[in-house]
């Protein structure tokens, strides 16, 4: 069957569908094994490279979608950068995206747009590409929007050594990220020192399967040059678009740097220092009592 659809002032589109005829005795397949063949019949002229005018041809429209089956509330990226014009010296004049959910956008620089679907649907997304001669072509892709549970969480963070560490001592930090989602997810894991990137520390890029799959990252902190005090270490995974839980995207641990031992001096912990102070105070008090008694004896008349 041949279907002719005419676009006013542009060209006509031909659709050839397979047809099977039955004369009561024999069946004839007129499609020659083809289920659908699309083409166009053009009656509009455009400038040509060597002649004044040639028949116009429609743009070539190419669309890729990521992710193809997104979750409700999740940002979806549409890529039409491989689309192109076919007419001589033509340029792309406009992109018209119709999202299939009642919304659309139109503009001159929309080859890589994003869209967030708010309802479950099998949405037919159509891109209509128009060139500078007004010749246009459309392509439609179906995006299946579902409801998924999405959650990337920091599972654990460990620091070794963590206490009574002298500046200059290498400290090993290990963190883990868990994909609690019902779908595979990818992201990045970083380990920071009080919100700042640790010099030379790598970033863990991961792709994790669903249901508790884990990725780990280990970095070494060079404590040379750090002032003795307590520092906060953060393991961070950036929240995903449409993520259900985000309060577990960061987890912290701490490291205690202390003054190094001075030559010939004694370095004590807080408890030891407190105990020694009590002993010293008691000793001073006892010495004062003895001194007072001795003075009172010396002052007695003979």
C-alpha atoms as a PDB file:
ATOM      1  CA  UNK A   1       0.000   0.000   0.000  1.00  0.00           C
ATOM      2  CA  UNK A   2       1.305   3.441  -0.916  1.00  0.00           C
ATOM      3  CA  UNK A   3       0.480   6.351   1.370  1.00  0.00           C
ATOM      4  CA  UNK A   4       1.148   9.916   0.213  1.00  0.00           C
ATOM      5  CA  UNK A   5       1.358  12.710   2.782  1.00  0.00           C
ATOM      6  CA  UNK A   6       1.882  16.210   1.433  1.00  0.00           C
ATOM      7  CA  UNK A   7       3.660  18.952   3.384  1.00  0.00           C
ATOM      8  CA  UNK A   8       2.461  22.346   2.109  1.00  0.00           C
ATOM      9  CA  UNK A   9       5.120  24.237   0.125  1.00  0.00           C
ATOM     10  CA  UNK A  10       7.725  21.608   0.914  1.00  0.00           C
ATOM     11  CA  UNK A  11       7.601  18.033  -0.307  1.00  0.00           C
ATOM     12  CA  UNK A  12       5.499  14.919  -0.105  1.00  0.00           C
ATOM     13  CA  UNK A  13       6.306  11.872   2.005  1.00  0.00           C
ATOM     14  CA  UNK A  14       5.785   8.385   0.623  1.00  0.00           C
ATOM     15  CA  UNK A  15       5.102   5.456   2.933  1.00  0.00           C
ATOM     16  CA  UNK A  16       5.113   1.966   1.394  1.00  0.00           C
ATOM     17  CA  UNK A  17       3.609  -0.774   3.531  1.00  0.00           C
ATOM     18  CA  UNK A  18       3.664  -4.473   2.810  1.00  0.00           C
ATOM     19  CA  UNK A  19       0.376  -5.759   1.390  1.00  0.00           C
ATOM     20  CA  UNK A  20      -0.800  -9.341   0.982  1.00  0.00           C
ATOM     21  CA  UNK A  21      -3.484 -10.031  -1.664  1.00  0.00           C
ATOM     22  CA  UNK A  22      -5.708 -13.107  -1.590  1.00  0.00           C
ATOM     23  CA  UNK A  23      -7.623 -14.072  -4.749  1.00  0.00           C
ATOM     24  CA  UNK A  24      -9.128 -17.093  -3.119  1.00  0.00           C
ATOM     25  CA  UNK A  25      -6.554 -19.511  -4.506  1.00  0.00           C
ATOM     26  CA  UNK A  26      -3.148 -17.890  -4.106  1.00  0.00           C
ATOM     27  CA  UNK A  27      -1.710 -15.224  -1.832  1.00  0.00           C
ATOM     28  CA  UNK A  28       0.677 -12.568  -3.167  1.00  0.00           C
ATOM     29  CA  UNK A  29       3.056 -10.620  -0.914  1.00  0.00           C
ATOM     30  CA  UNK A  30       3.663  -7.257  -2.578  1.00  0.00           C
ATOM     31  CA  UNK A  31       6.167  -6.025  -0.006  1.00  0.00           C
ATOM     32  CA  UNK A  32       9.019  -8.262  -1.175  1.00  0.00           C
ATOM     33  CA  UNK A  33       9.862  -8.977   2.460  1.00  0.00           C
ATOM     34  CA  UNK A  34       9.781  -5.314   3.506  1.00  0.00           C
ATOM     35  CA  UNK A  35       7.481  -4.289   6.325  1.00  0.00           C
ATOM     36  CA  UNK A  36       7.846  -0.526   5.966  1.00  0.00           C
ATOM     37  CA  UNK A  37       9.746   1.634   3.509  1.00  0.00           C
ATOM     38  CA  UNK A  38       9.806   5.420   3.908  1.00  0.00           C
ATOM     39  CA  UNK A  39      10.757   8.015   1.322  1.00  0.00           C
ATOM     40  CA  UNK A  40       9.688  11.398   0.069  1.00  0.00           C
ATOM     41  CA  UNK A  41       8.607  13.086  -3.135  1.00  0.00           C
ATOM     42  CA  UNK A  42       9.916  16.611  -3.430  1.00  0.00           C
ATOM     43  CA  UNK A  43       8.472  19.520  -5.371  1.00  0.00           C
ATOM     44  CA  UNK A  44      10.481  22.333  -3.695  1.00  0.00           C
ATOM     45  CA  UNK A  45      13.744  23.775  -5.012  1.00  0.00           C
ATOM     46  CA  UNK A  46      16.856  24.922  -3.140  1.00  0.00           C
ATOM     47  CA  UNK A  47      20.111  26.524  -4.381  1.00  0.00           C
ATOM     48  CA  UNK A  48      22.613  24.101  -5.878  1.00  0.00           C
ATOM     49  CA  UNK A  49      26.430  24.041  -6.005  1.00  0.00           C
ATOM     50  CA  UNK A  50      26.686  24.220  -9.811  1.00  0.00           C
ATOM     51  CA  UNK A  51      23.178  25.074 -10.996  1.00  0.00           C
ATOM     52  CA  UNK A  52      20.756  27.768  -9.926  1.00  0.00           C
ATOM     53  CA  UNK A  53      18.417  25.375  -8.168  1.00  0.00           C
ATOM     54  CA  UNK A  54      18.006  21.730  -7.270  1.00  0.00           C
ATOM     55  CA  UNK A  55      15.311  19.765  -5.524  1.00  0.00           C
ATOM     56  CA  UNK A  56      15.490  20.249  -1.755  1.00  0.00           C
ATOM     57  CA  UNK A  57      16.207  17.338   0.555  1.00  0.00           C
ATOM     58  CA  UNK A  58      15.158  17.117   4.207  1.00  0.00           C
ATOM     59  CA  UNK A  59      17.626  17.267   7.098  1.00  0.00           C
ATOM     60  CA  UNK A  60      19.059  14.080   8.548  1.00  0.00           C
ATOM     61  CA  UNK A  61      17.739  13.706  12.109  1.00  0.00           C
ATOM     62  CA  UNK A  62      19.522  11.486  14.620  1.00  0.00           C
ATOM     63  CA  UNK A  63      18.587  11.154  18.322  1.00  0.00           C
ATOM     64  CA  UNK A  64      20.130   9.247  21.219  1.00  0.00           C
ATOM     65  CA  UNK A  65      18.708   9.171  24.746  1.00  0.00           C
ATOM     66  CA  UNK A  66      20.403   8.635  28.107  1.00  0.00           C
ATOM     67  CA  UNK A  67      19.031   6.929  30.095  1.00  0.00           C
ATOM     68  CA  UNK A  68      16.500   5.340  27.741  1.00  0.00           C
ATOM     69  CA  UNK A  69      14.310   4.098  30.641  1.00  0.00           C
ATOM     70  CA  UNK A  70      14.586   6.838  33.281  1.00  0.00           C
ATOM     71  CA  UNK A  71      12.887   7.192  36.620  1.00  0.00           C
ATOM     72  CA  UNK A  72      10.230   9.811  37.272  1.00  0.00           C
ATOM     73  CA  UNK A  73      11.977  13.023  38.338  1.00  0.00           C
ATOM     74  CA  UNK A  74      15.277  11.967  36.761  1.00  0.00           C
ATOM     75  CA  UNK A  75      16.945  14.274  34.245  1.00  0.00           C
ATOM     76  CA  UNK A  76      17.176  12.739  30.762  1.00  0.00           C
ATOM     77  CA  UNK A  77      19.707  13.897  28.160  1.00  0.00           C
ATOM     78  CA  UNK A  78      18.801  13.948  24.471  1.00  0.00           C
ATOM     79  CA  UNK A  79      21.635  14.086  21.951  1.00  0.00           C
ATOM     80  CA  UNK A  80      20.996  15.298  18.407  1.00  0.00           C
ATOM     81  CA  UNK A  81      24.540  16.465  17.656  1.00  0.00           C
ATOM     82  CA  UNK A  82      24.865  13.897  14.849  1.00  0.00           C
ATOM     83  CA  UNK A  83      21.938  15.452  12.980  1.00  0.00           C
ATOM     84  CA  UNK A  84      22.835  17.441   9.884  1.00  0.00           C
ATOM     85  CA  UNK A  85      21.465  19.437   6.954  1.00  0.00           C
ATOM     86  CA  UNK A  86      21.603  18.038   3.437  1.00  0.00           C
ATOM     87  CA  UNK A  87      20.949  21.080   1.246  1.00  0.00           C
ATOM     88  CA  UNK A  88      23.736  23.161  -0.286  1.00  0.00           C
ATOM     89  CA  UNK A  89      25.050  25.832   2.130  1.00  0.00           C
ATOM     90  CA  UNK A  90      22.134  25.256   4.483  1.00  0.00           C
ATOM     91  CA  UNK A  91      22.377  25.546   8.256  1.00  0.00           C
ATOM     92  CA  UNK A  92      20.163  24.298  11.061  1.00  0.00           C
ATOM     93  CA  UNK A  93      17.654  27.031  11.813  1.00  0.00           C
ATOM     94  CA  UNK A  94      15.721  25.485  14.681  1.00  0.00           C
ATOM     95  CA  UNK A  95      15.191  22.433  16.873  1.00  0.00           C
ATOM     96  CA  UNK A  96      11.644  21.714  18.043  1.00  0.00           C
ATOM     97  CA  UNK A  97      11.468  19.099  20.779  1.00  0.00           C
ATOM     98  CA  UNK A  98       8.057  17.735  21.724  1.00  0.00           C
ATOM     99  CA  UNK A  99       8.415  15.618  24.851  1.00  0.00           C
ATOM    100  CA  UNK A 100       5.184  13.631  24.622  1.00  0.00           C
ATOM    101  CA  UNK A 101       4.030  14.758  28.069  1.00  0.00           C
ATOM    102  CA  UNK A 102       2.373  17.991  26.990  1.00  0.00           C
ATOM    103  CA  UNK A 103       5.573  20.032  27.005  1.00  0.00           C
ATOM    104  CA  UNK A 104       7.894  21.213  24.239  1.00  0.00           C
ATOM    105  CA  UNK A 105      10.831  23.550  23.620  1.00  0.00           C
ATOM    106  CA  UNK A 106      11.972  25.359  20.492  1.00  0.00           C
ATOM    107  CA  UNK A 107      15.283  27.079  19.857  1.00  0.00           C
ATOM    108  CA  UNK A 108      18.324  27.525  17.651  1.00  0.00           C
ATOM    109  CA  UNK A 109      20.853  25.758  19.881  1.00  0.00           C
ATOM    110  CA  UNK A 110      19.113  22.717  21.314  1.00  0.00           C
ATOM    111  CA  UNK A 111      21.185  19.844  19.996  1.00  0.00           C
ATOM    112  CA  UNK A 112      21.849  18.543  23.519  1.00  0.00           C
ATOM    113  CA  UNK A 113      18.826  19.351  25.715  1.00  0.00           C
ATOM    114  CA  UNK A 114      17.668  17.732  28.940  1.00  0.00           C
ATOM    115  CA  UNK A 115      14.150  17.032  30.156  1.00  0.00           C
ATOM    116  CA  UNK A 116      12.635  15.699  33.380  1.00  0.00           C
ATOM    117  CA  UNK A 117       9.486  13.620  33.140  1.00  0.00           C
ATOM    118  CA  UNK A 118       7.117  13.972  36.095  1.00  0.00           C
ATOM    119  CA  UNK A 119       4.762  11.070  35.315  1.00  0.00           C
ATOM    120  CA  UNK A 120       5.062   7.412  34.394  1.00  0.00           C
ATOM    121  CA  UNK A 121       4.606   7.083  30.627  1.00  0.00           C
ATOM    122  CA  UNK A 122       5.795   5.661  27.353  1.00  0.00           C
ATOM    123  CA  UNK A 123       6.406   9.154  26.011  1.00  0.00           C
ATOM    124  CA  UNK A 124       6.906   9.690  22.276  1.00  0.00           C
ATOM    125  CA  UNK A 125       9.622  12.332  21.997  1.00  0.00           C
ATOM    126  CA  UNK A 126       9.779  14.030  18.607  1.00  0.00           C
ATOM    127  CA  UNK A 127      12.519  16.255  17.239  1.00  0.00           C
ATOM    128  CA  UNK A 128      11.652  18.428  14.242  1.00  0.00           C
ATOM    129  CA  UNK A 129      14.747  19.868  12.604  1.00  0.00           C
ATOM    130  CA  UNK A 130      14.363  22.826  10.227  1.00  0.00           C
ATOM    131  CA  UNK A 131      17.120  24.150   7.976  1.00  0.00           C
ATOM    132  CA  UNK A 132      17.745  27.705   6.804  1.00  0.00           C
ATOM    133  CA  UNK A 133      15.594  27.129   3.661  1.00  0.00           C
ATOM    134  CA  UNK A 134      12.620  26.135   5.795  1.00  0.00           C
ATOM    135  CA  UNK A 135      12.948  22.453   4.936  1.00  0.00           C
ATOM    136  CA  UNK A 136      12.279  20.245   7.944  1.00  0.00           C
ATOM    137  CA  UNK A 137      12.191  16.617   9.006  1.00  0.00           C
ATOM    138  CA  UNK A 138      11.085  14.836  12.177  1.00  0.00           C
ATOM    139  CA  UNK A 139      12.098  11.755  14.097  1.00  0.00           C
ATOM    140  CA  UNK A 140      10.387  10.157  17.103  1.00  0.00           C
ATOM    141  CA  UNK A 141      11.779   7.954  19.872  1.00  0.00           C
ATOM    142  CA  UNK A 142       9.823   6.374  22.714  1.00  0.00           C
ATOM    143  CA  UNK A 143      11.101   6.940  26.253  1.00  0.00           C
ATOM    144  CA  UNK A 144       9.763   4.545  28.896  1.00  0.00           C
ATOM    145  CA  UNK A 145       9.499   6.430  32.198  1.00  0.00           C
ATOM    146  CA  UNK A 146       9.173   4.299  35.341  1.00  0.00           C
ATOM    147  CA  UNK A 147       9.286   4.655  39.104  1.00  0.00           C
ATOM    148  CA  UNK A 148      12.580   3.435  40.578  1.00  0.00           C
ATOM    149  CA  UNK A 149      14.195   3.730  44.004  1.00  0.00           C
ATOM    150  CA  UNK A 150      17.464   5.652  43.646  1.00  0.00           C
ATOM    151  CA  UNK A 151      20.028   5.936  46.454  1.00  0.00           C
ATOM    152  CA  UNK A 152      23.826   6.075  46.497  1.00  0.00           C
ATOM    153  CA  UNK A 153      25.184   6.054  50.056  1.00  0.00           C
ATOM    154  CA  UNK A 154      28.559   6.235  51.774  1.00  0.00           C
ATOM    155  CA  UNK A 155      28.753   2.929  53.594  1.00  0.00           C
ATOM    156  CA  UNK A 156      31.900   3.348  55.676  1.00  0.00           C
ATOM    157  CA  UNK A 157      35.032   5.446  56.094  1.00  0.00           C
ATOM    158  CA  UNK A 158      38.139   4.370  58.005  1.00  0.00           C
ATOM    159  CA  UNK A 159      41.306   6.270  58.946  1.00  0.00           C
ATOM    160  CA  UNK A 160      44.583   4.622  59.989  1.00  0.00           C
ATOM    161  CA  UNK A 161      46.283   5.818  62.116  1.00  0.00           C
ATOM    162  CA  UNK A 162      43.661   8.174  63.536  1.00  0.00           C
ATOM    163  CA  UNK A 163      44.915   9.297  66.981  1.00  0.00           C
ATOM    164  CA  UNK A 164      48.162  10.692  68.406  1.00  0.00           C
ATOM    165  CA  UNK A 165      49.547  11.132  64.892  1.00  0.00           C
ATOM    166  CA  UNK A 166      52.707  13.191  64.391  1.00  0.00           C
ATOM    167  CA  UNK A 167      52.728  15.612  61.428  1.00  0.00           C
ATOM    168  CA  UNK A 168      54.535  13.983  58.513  1.00  0.00           C
ATOM    169  CA  UNK A 169      53.054  10.558  59.178  1.00  0.00           C
ATOM    170  CA  UNK A 170      51.238   9.083  56.119  1.00  0.00           C
ATOM    171  CA  UNK A 171      47.592   8.357  56.903  1.00  0.00           C
ATOM    172  CA  UNK A 172      45.557   5.852  54.891  1.00  0.00           C
ATOM    173  CA  UNK A 173      41.878   6.626  54.345  1.00  0.00           C
ATOM    174  CA  UNK A 174      39.408   4.136  52.833  1.00  0.00           C
ATOM    175  CA  UNK A 175      35.773   4.831  51.965  1.00  0.00           C
ATOM    176  CA  UNK A 176      33.027   2.756  50.356  1.00  0.00           C
ATOM    177  CA  UNK A 177      29.948   3.729  48.354  1.00  0.00           C
ATOM    178  CA  UNK A 178      26.898   1.448  48.162  1.00  0.00           C
ATOM    179  CA  UNK A 179      24.255   1.454  45.430  1.00  0.00           C
ATOM    180  CA  UNK A 180      20.984   0.897  47.275  1.00  0.00           C
ATOM    181  CA  UNK A 181      19.021   1.608  44.087  1.00  0.00           C
ATOM    182  CA  UNK A 182      16.776  -0.820  42.270  1.00  0.00           C
ATOM    183  CA  UNK A 183      18.598   0.037  39.018  1.00  0.00           C
ATOM    184  CA  UNK A 184      22.302   0.265  38.080  1.00  0.00           C
ATOM    185  CA  UNK A 185      23.873   3.659  38.740  1.00  0.00           C
ATOM    186  CA  UNK A 186      27.137   5.431  38.037  1.00  0.00           C
ATOM    187  CA  UNK A 187      28.782   8.306  39.859  1.00  0.00           C
ATOM    188  CA  UNK A 188      31.965   9.465  41.567  1.00  0.00           C
ATOM    189  CA  UNK A 189      33.459   9.074  45.039  1.00  0.00           C
ATOM    190  CA  UNK A 190      35.919  11.554  46.549  1.00  0.00           C
ATOM    191  CA  UNK A 191      37.689  11.907  49.894  1.00  0.00           C
ATOM    192  CA  UNK A 192      38.245  15.466  51.147  1.00  0.00           C
ATOM    193  CA  UNK A 193      40.071  17.144  54.009  1.00  0.00           C
ATOM    194  CA  UNK A 194      37.595  19.523  55.674  1.00  0.00           C
ATOM    195  CA  UNK A 195      35.836  20.229  52.367  1.00  0.00           C
ATOM    196  CA  UNK A 196      39.017  20.648  50.321  1.00  0.00           C
ATOM    197  CA  UNK A 197      40.484  18.218  47.816  1.00  0.00           C
ATOM    198  CA  UNK A 198      43.425  16.221  49.111  1.00  0.00           C
ATOM    199  CA  UNK A 199      46.399  16.960  46.883  1.00  0.00           C
ATOM    200  CA  UNK A 200      47.134  14.038  44.591  1.00  0.00           C
ATOM    201  CA  UNK A 201      44.081  12.067  45.743  1.00  0.00           C
ATOM    202  CA  UNK A 202      42.261  10.200  42.950  1.00  0.00           C
ATOM    203  CA  UNK A 203      38.537  10.365  42.193  1.00  0.00           C
ATOM    204  CA  UNK A 204      36.754   7.031  41.992  1.00  0.00           C
ATOM    205  CA  UNK A 205      34.440   6.823  38.975  1.00  0.00           C
ATOM    206  CA  UNK A 206      32.144   3.847  39.328  1.00  0.00           C
ATOM    207  CA  UNK A 207      29.353   1.929  37.639  1.00  0.00           C
ATOM    208  CA  UNK A 208      27.471  -0.188  40.144  1.00  0.00           C
ATOM    209  CA  UNK A 209      24.787  -2.779  39.678  1.00  0.00           C
ATOM    210  CA  UNK A 210      21.562  -2.595  41.641  1.00  0.00           C
ATOM    211  CA  UNK A 211      20.906  -3.930  45.136  1.00  0.00           C
ATOM    212  CA  UNK A 212      23.851  -3.207  47.449  1.00  0.00           C
ATOM    213  CA  UNK A 213      26.760  -3.300  44.992  1.00  0.00           C
ATOM    214  CA  UNK A 214      29.873  -1.621  46.475  1.00  0.00           C
ATOM    215  CA  UNK A 215      32.865   0.375  45.220  1.00  0.00           C
ATOM    216  CA  UNK A 216      35.812   1.482  47.400  1.00  0.00           C
ATOM    217  CA  UNK A 217      38.429   4.214  47.263  1.00  0.00           C
ATOM    218  CA  UNK A 218      41.690   4.409  49.222  1.00  0.00           C
ATOM    219  CA  UNK A 219      43.859   7.537  49.418  1.00  0.00           C
ATOM    220  CA  UNK A 220      46.974   8.430  51.383  1.00  0.00           C
ATOM    221  CA  UNK A 221      47.048  11.738  53.241  1.00  0.00           C
ATOM    222  CA  UNK A 222      50.436  13.403  53.621  1.00  0.00           C
ATOM    223  CA  UNK A 223      50.212  15.150  56.987  1.00  0.00           C
ATOM    224  CA  UNK A 224      53.508  17.021  56.605  1.00  0.00           C
ATOM    225  CA  UNK A 225      52.976  20.726  57.138  1.00  0.00           C
ATOM    226  CA  UNK A 226      49.645  20.329  58.932  1.00  0.00           C
ATOM    227  CA  UNK A 227      49.241  22.089  62.278  1.00  0.00           C
ATOM    228  CA  UNK A 228      48.690  19.740  65.231  1.00  0.00           C
ATOM    229  CA  UNK A 229      44.923  19.591  65.904  1.00  0.00           C
ATOM    230  CA  UNK A 230      41.883  17.476  65.031  1.00  0.00           C
ATOM    231  CA  UNK A 231      40.909  17.370  61.315  1.00  0.00           C
ATOM    232  CA  UNK A 232      37.672  16.206  59.666  1.00  0.00           C
ATOM    233  CA  UNK A 233      37.841  13.768  56.746  1.00  0.00           C
ATOM    234  CA  UNK A 234      34.795  13.583  54.411  1.00  0.00           C
ATOM    235  CA  UNK A 235      33.833  10.852  51.963  1.00  0.00           C
ATOM    236  CA  UNK A 236      31.423  12.325  49.389  1.00  0.00           C
ATOM    237  CA  UNK A 237      29.311  10.967  46.539  1.00  0.00           C
ATOM    238  CA  UNK A 238      27.392  13.716  44.665  1.00  0.00           C
ATOM    239  CA  UNK A 239      23.599  13.225  44.779  1.00  0.00           C
ATOM    240  CA  UNK A 240      21.915  11.965  41.639  1.00  0.00           C
ATOM    241  CA  UNK A 241      19.091  13.727  39.849  1.00  0.00           C
ATOM    242  CA  UNK A 242      15.833  12.460  41.361  1.00  0.00           C
ATOM    243  CA  UNK A 243      17.623  10.579  44.160  1.00  0.00           C
ATOM    244  CA  UNK A 244      15.195   9.468  46.876  1.00  0.00           C
ATOM    245  CA  UNK A 245      17.611   9.809  49.819  1.00  0.00           C
ATOM    246  CA  UNK A 246      20.467  12.334  49.918  1.00  0.00           C
ATOM    247  CA  UNK A 247      21.314  12.612  53.633  1.00  0.00           C
ATOM    248  CA  UNK A 248      23.685   9.628  53.323  1.00  0.00           C
ATOM    249  CA  UNK A 249      25.773  11.056  50.467  1.00  0.00           C
ATOM    250  CA  UNK A 250      28.482  12.207  52.889  1.00  0.00           C
ATOM    251  CA  UNK A 251      30.140  10.579  55.896  1.00  0.00           C
ATOM    252  CA  UNK A 252      32.938  11.896  58.109  1.00  0.00           C
ATOM    253  CA  UNK A 253      35.800  10.608  60.242  1.00  0.00           C
ATOM    254  CA  UNK A 254      38.531  12.442  62.190  1.00  0.00           C
ATOM    255  CA  UNK A 255      42.290  12.423  62.587  1.00  0.00           C
ATOM    256  CA  UNK A 256      44.197  13.820  65.584  1.00  0.00           C
ATOM    257  CA  UNK A 257      47.614  15.377  64.964  1.00  0.00           C
ATOM    258  CA  UNK A 258      49.772  16.097  68.024  1.00  0.00           C
ATOM    259  CA  UNK A 259      53.058  17.919  68.659  1.00  0.00           C
ATOM    260  CA  UNK A 260      56.042  15.716  67.942  1.00  0.00           C
ATOM    261  CA  UNK A 261      58.388  14.706  70.770  1.00  0.00           C
ATOM    262  CA  UNK A 262      60.997  17.340  71.551  1.00  0.00           C
ATOM    263  CA  UNK A 263      64.532  16.150  72.240  1.00  0.00           C
ATOM    264  CA  UNK A 264      64.846  15.219  75.946  1.00  0.00           C
ATOM    265  CA  UNK A 265      61.223  16.097  76.777  1.00  0.00           C
ATOM    266  CA  UNK A 266      58.252  13.996  77.803  1.00  0.00           C
ATOM    267  CA  UNK A 267      55.055  13.794  75.736  1.00  0.00           C
ATOM    268  CA  UNK A 268      51.962  12.615  77.601  1.00  0.00           C
ATOM    269  CA  UNK A 269      48.388  11.975  76.662  1.00  0.00           C
ATOM    270  CA  UNK A 270      45.541  14.081  78.068  1.00  0.00           C
ATOM    271  CA  UNK A 271      44.783  11.546  80.782  1.00  0.00           C
ATOM    272  CA  UNK A 272      48.431  11.163  81.704  1.00  0.00           C
ATOM    273  CA  UNK A 273      48.885  14.944  81.815  1.00  0.00           C
ATOM    274  CA  UNK A 274      45.830  15.343  84.026  1.00  0.00           C
ATOM    275  CA  UNK A 275      47.076  12.644  86.404  1.00  0.00           C
ATOM    276  CA  UNK A 276      50.527  14.164  86.599  1.00  0.00           C
ATOM    277  CA  UNK A 277      48.992  17.563  87.339  1.00  0.00           C
ATOM    278  CA  UNK A 278      47.038  16.143  90.279  1.00  0.00           C
ATOM    279  CA  UNK A 279      50.183  14.522  91.673  1.00  0.00           C
ATOM    280  CA  UNK A 280      52.150  17.774  91.333  1.00  0.00           C
ATOM    281  CA  UNK A 281      49.390  19.785  93.044  1.00  0.00           C
ATOM    282  CA  UNK A 282      49.237  17.249  95.878  1.00  0.00           C
ATOM    283  CA  UNK A 283      52.996  17.329  96.280  1.00  0.00           C
ATOM    284  CA  UNK A 284      53.065  21.139  96.415  1.00  0.00           C
ATOM    285  CA  UNK A 285      50.267  21.144  98.968  1.00  0.00           C
ATOM    286  CA  UNK A 286      52.065  18.629 101.153  1.00  0.00           C
ATOM    287  CA  UNK A 287      55.291  20.654 100.971  1.00  0.00           C
ATOM    288  CA  UNK A 288      53.472  23.824 102.028  1.00  0.00           C
ATOM    289  CA  UNK A 289      51.975  22.057 105.042  1.00  0.00           C
ATOM    290  CA  UNK A 290      55.387  20.761 106.093  1.00  0.00           C
ATOM    291  CA  UNK A 291      56.898  24.248 105.656  1.00  0.00           C
ATOM    292  CA  UNK A 292      54.210  25.852 107.828  1.00  0.00           C
ATOM    293  CA  UNK A 293      54.708  23.285 110.569  1.00  0.00           C
ATOM    294  CA  UNK A 294      58.434  23.836 110.475  1.00  0.00           C
ATOM    295  CA  UNK A 295      58.007  27.607 110.740  1.00  0.00           C
ATOM    296  CA  UNK A 296      55.624  27.256 113.684  1.00  0.00           C
ATOM    297  CA  UNK A 297      58.153  25.086 115.535  1.00  0.00           C
ATOM    298  CA  UNK A 298      60.925  27.616 114.941  1.00  0.00           C
ATOM    299  CA  UNK A 299      58.760  30.456 116.257  1.00  0.00           C
ATOM    300  CA  UNK A 300      57.939  28.746 119.582  1.00  0.00           C
ATOM    301  CA  UNK A 301      59.681  30.351 122.631  1.00  0.00           C
ATOM    302  CA  UNK A 302      62.504  28.412 124.207  1.00  0.00           C
END
